[in-house]
Amino acid sequence: MDDPNSILSPGMLVRHPAEPDWGTGQVQSNIGGKVTVNFPNKGKVVIESSRVMLVPVFDR
């Protein structure tokens, strides 16, 4: 699998592995290797899938 973030879809919850203080974010979109996530303590962030592998959160 070339892009491990390709499984992420809008509404899914994720964490940024290098930025735990951002909290658990919600995926807004995943288009062309760019994942837009709204984090509670950072706001909306566009993540390059080739640079960061987001961690899905399945339980809170």
N, C-alpha and C. Protein backbone atom coordinates (compact mmCIF):
# COMPACT_ATOMS: atom_id res chain seq x y z
N MET A 1 0.85 -1.18 0.00
CA MET A 1 0.00 0.00 0.00
C MET A 1 0.89 1.24 0.00
N ASP A 2 0.75 2.09 -0.98
CA ASP A 2 1.58 3.28 -1.10
C ASP A 2 1.20 4.37 -0.11
N ASP A 3 -0.09 4.53 0.16
CA ASP A 3 -0.56 5.60 1.03
C ASP A 3 -1.38 4.99 2.17
N PRO A 4 -0.76 4.84 3.35
CA PRO A 4 -1.50 4.25 4.47
C PRO A 4 -2.68 5.10 4.93
N ASN A 5 -2.67 6.39 4.60
CA ASN A 5 -3.79 7.27 4.96
C ASN A 5 -4.97 7.12 4.00
N SER A 6 -4.82 6.32 2.94
CA SER A 6 -5.90 6.19 1.96
C SER A 6 -7.16 5.57 2.55
N ILE A 7 -7.04 4.87 3.67
CA ILE A 7 -8.22 4.26 4.31
C ILE A 7 -9.06 5.29 5.07
N LEU A 8 -8.51 6.47 5.28
CA LEU A 8 -9.22 7.50 6.06
C LEU A 8 -10.30 8.16 5.23
N SER A 9 -11.46 8.31 5.84
CA SER A 9 -12.58 8.95 5.15
C SER A 9 -13.19 10.00 6.07
N PRO A 10 -13.93 10.95 5.50
CA PRO A 10 -14.54 12.00 6.31
C PRO A 10 -15.35 11.43 7.47
N GLY A 11 -15.15 12.05 8.62
CA GLY A 11 -15.85 11.62 9.83
C GLY A 11 -15.01 10.74 10.74
N MET A 12 -13.97 10.11 10.19
CA MET A 12 -13.11 9.26 11.02
C MET A 12 -12.30 10.12 11.99
N LEU A 13 -11.97 9.53 13.12
CA LEU A 13 -11.17 10.21 14.14
C LEU A 13 -9.72 9.75 14.03
N VAL A 14 -8.79 10.70 14.17
CA VAL A 14 -7.36 10.39 14.03
C VAL A 14 -6.54 11.21 15.03
N ARG A 15 -5.31 10.76 15.21
CA ARG A 15 -4.32 11.51 15.98
C ARG A 15 -3.09 11.71 15.12
N HIS A 16 -2.40 12.81 15.34
CA HIS A 16 -1.13 13.08 14.66
C HIS A 16 -0.05 12.52 15.57
N PRO A 17 0.77 11.58 15.10
CA PRO A 17 1.75 10.91 15.97
C PRO A 17 2.79 11.85 16.58
N ALA A 18 3.12 12.93 15.91
CA ALA A 18 4.15 13.85 16.41
C ALA A 18 3.56 15.03 17.17
N GLU A 19 2.23 15.14 17.21
CA GLU A 19 1.58 16.29 17.84
C GLU A 19 0.44 15.84 18.77
N PRO A 20 0.76 15.13 19.84
CA PRO A 20 -0.32 14.63 20.72
C PRO A 20 -1.14 15.73 21.38
N ASP A 21 -0.55 16.93 21.54
CA ASP A 21 -1.28 18.03 22.16
C ASP A 21 -2.42 18.56 21.30
N TRP A 22 -2.43 18.21 20.01
CA TRP A 22 -3.50 18.66 19.13
C TRP A 22 -4.81 17.95 19.46
N GLY A 23 -4.76 16.80 20.12
CA GLY A 23 -5.95 16.05 20.47
C GLY A 23 -6.41 15.15 19.33
N THR A 24 -7.59 14.60 19.50
CA THR A 24 -8.17 13.71 18.49
C THR A 24 -8.93 14.54 17.47
N GLY A 25 -8.50 14.43 16.21
CA GLY A 25 -9.11 15.23 15.15
C GLY A 25 -10.09 14.43 14.31
N GLN A 26 -10.92 15.14 13.60
CA GLN A 26 -11.89 14.51 12.70
C GLN A 26 -11.50 14.82 11.26
N VAL A 27 -11.41 13.75 10.45
CA VAL A 27 -11.07 13.90 9.04
C VAL A 27 -12.19 14.64 8.34
N GLN A 28 -11.83 15.69 7.59
CA GLN A 28 -12.78 16.46 6.82
C GLN A 28 -12.80 16.00 5.36
N SER A 29 -11.60 15.71 4.82
CA SER A 29 -11.50 15.22 3.44
C SER A 29 -10.18 14.49 3.26
N ASN A 30 -10.12 13.69 2.21
CA ASN A 30 -8.91 12.94 1.86
C ASN A 30 -8.86 12.87 0.34
N ILE A 31 -8.13 13.81 -0.26
CA ILE A 31 -8.13 13.94 -1.72
C ILE A 31 -6.69 14.10 -2.21
N GLY A 32 -6.30 13.24 -3.13
CA GLY A 32 -5.01 13.38 -3.78
C GLY A 32 -3.81 13.40 -2.86
N GLY A 33 -3.84 12.59 -1.81
CA GLY A 33 -2.71 12.53 -0.90
C GLY A 33 -2.66 13.63 0.14
N LYS A 34 -3.73 14.41 0.22
CA LYS A 34 -3.83 15.46 1.23
C LYS A 34 -5.05 15.19 2.10
N VAL A 35 -4.80 15.07 3.40
CA VAL A 35 -5.88 14.80 4.35
C VAL A 35 -6.11 16.06 5.17
N THR A 36 -7.32 16.57 5.14
CA THR A 36 -7.67 17.73 5.95
C THR A 36 -8.34 17.22 7.22
N VAL A 37 -7.77 17.65 8.36
CA VAL A 37 -8.25 17.20 9.66
C VAL A 37 -8.52 18.42 10.53
N ASN A 38 -9.63 18.39 11.27
CA ASN A 38 -9.95 19.44 12.22
C ASN A 38 -9.61 18.93 13.62
N PHE A 39 -8.54 19.49 14.21
CA PHE A 39 -8.10 19.10 15.55
C PHE A 39 -8.65 20.09 16.57
N PRO A 40 -9.10 19.60 17.74
CA PRO A 40 -9.72 20.50 18.72
C PRO A 40 -8.77 21.56 19.28
N ASN A 41 -7.49 21.23 19.39
CA ASN A 41 -6.53 22.16 19.99
C ASN A 41 -5.60 22.83 18.98
N LYS A 42 -5.87 22.65 17.69
CA LYS A 42 -5.03 23.24 16.65
C LYS A 42 -5.86 23.87 15.54
N GLY A 43 -7.04 23.30 15.28
CA GLY A 43 -7.87 23.79 14.18
C GLY A 43 -7.68 22.92 12.95
N LYS A 44 -8.03 23.48 11.79
CA LYS A 44 -7.98 22.73 10.54
C LYS A 44 -6.54 22.67 10.03
N VAL A 45 -6.08 21.45 9.73
CA VAL A 45 -4.72 21.23 9.25
C VAL A 45 -4.77 20.32 8.03
N VAL A 46 -4.00 20.68 6.99
CA VAL A 46 -3.87 19.83 5.81
C VAL A 46 -2.58 19.02 5.96
N ILE A 47 -2.71 17.70 5.94
CA ILE A 47 -1.59 16.78 6.15
C ILE A 47 -1.21 16.15 4.82
N GLU A 48 0.08 16.17 4.49
CA GLU A 48 0.59 15.46 3.31
C GLU A 48 0.76 13.99 3.68
N SER A 49 0.03 13.11 3.01
CA SER A 49 0.08 11.69 3.32
C SER A 49 1.47 11.09 3.14
N SER A 50 2.26 11.66 2.26
CA SER A 50 3.60 11.13 2.03
C SER A 50 4.56 11.46 3.17
N ARG A 51 4.16 12.39 4.05
CA ARG A 51 5.05 12.82 5.13
C ARG A 51 4.62 12.33 6.51
N VAL A 52 3.30 12.15 6.71
CA VAL A 52 2.79 11.80 8.04
C VAL A 52 1.76 10.68 7.92
N MET A 53 1.93 9.63 8.73
CA MET A 53 0.94 8.57 8.80
C MET A 53 0.07 8.83 10.03
N LEU A 54 -1.16 9.27 9.80
CA LEU A 54 -2.07 9.55 10.89
C LEU A 54 -2.51 8.23 11.55
N VAL A 55 -2.83 8.31 12.83
CA VAL A 55 -3.21 7.13 13.61
C VAL A 55 -4.72 7.15 13.81
N PRO A 56 -5.44 6.17 13.23
CA PRO A 56 -6.89 6.12 13.43
C PRO A 56 -7.23 5.86 14.91
N VAL A 57 -8.32 6.47 15.36
CA VAL A 57 -8.81 6.29 16.74
C VAL A 57 -10.16 5.62 16.64
N PHE A 58 -10.27 4.43 17.23
CA PHE A 58 -11.51 3.67 17.13
C PHE A 58 -12.32 3.70 18.42
N ASP A 59 -11.70 4.12 19.51
CA ASP A 59 -12.43 4.25 20.76
C ASP A 59 -11.97 5.51 21.46
N ARG A 60 -12.84 6.06 22.26
CA ARG A 60 -12.49 7.32 22.94
C ARG A 60 -12.41 7.08 24.36
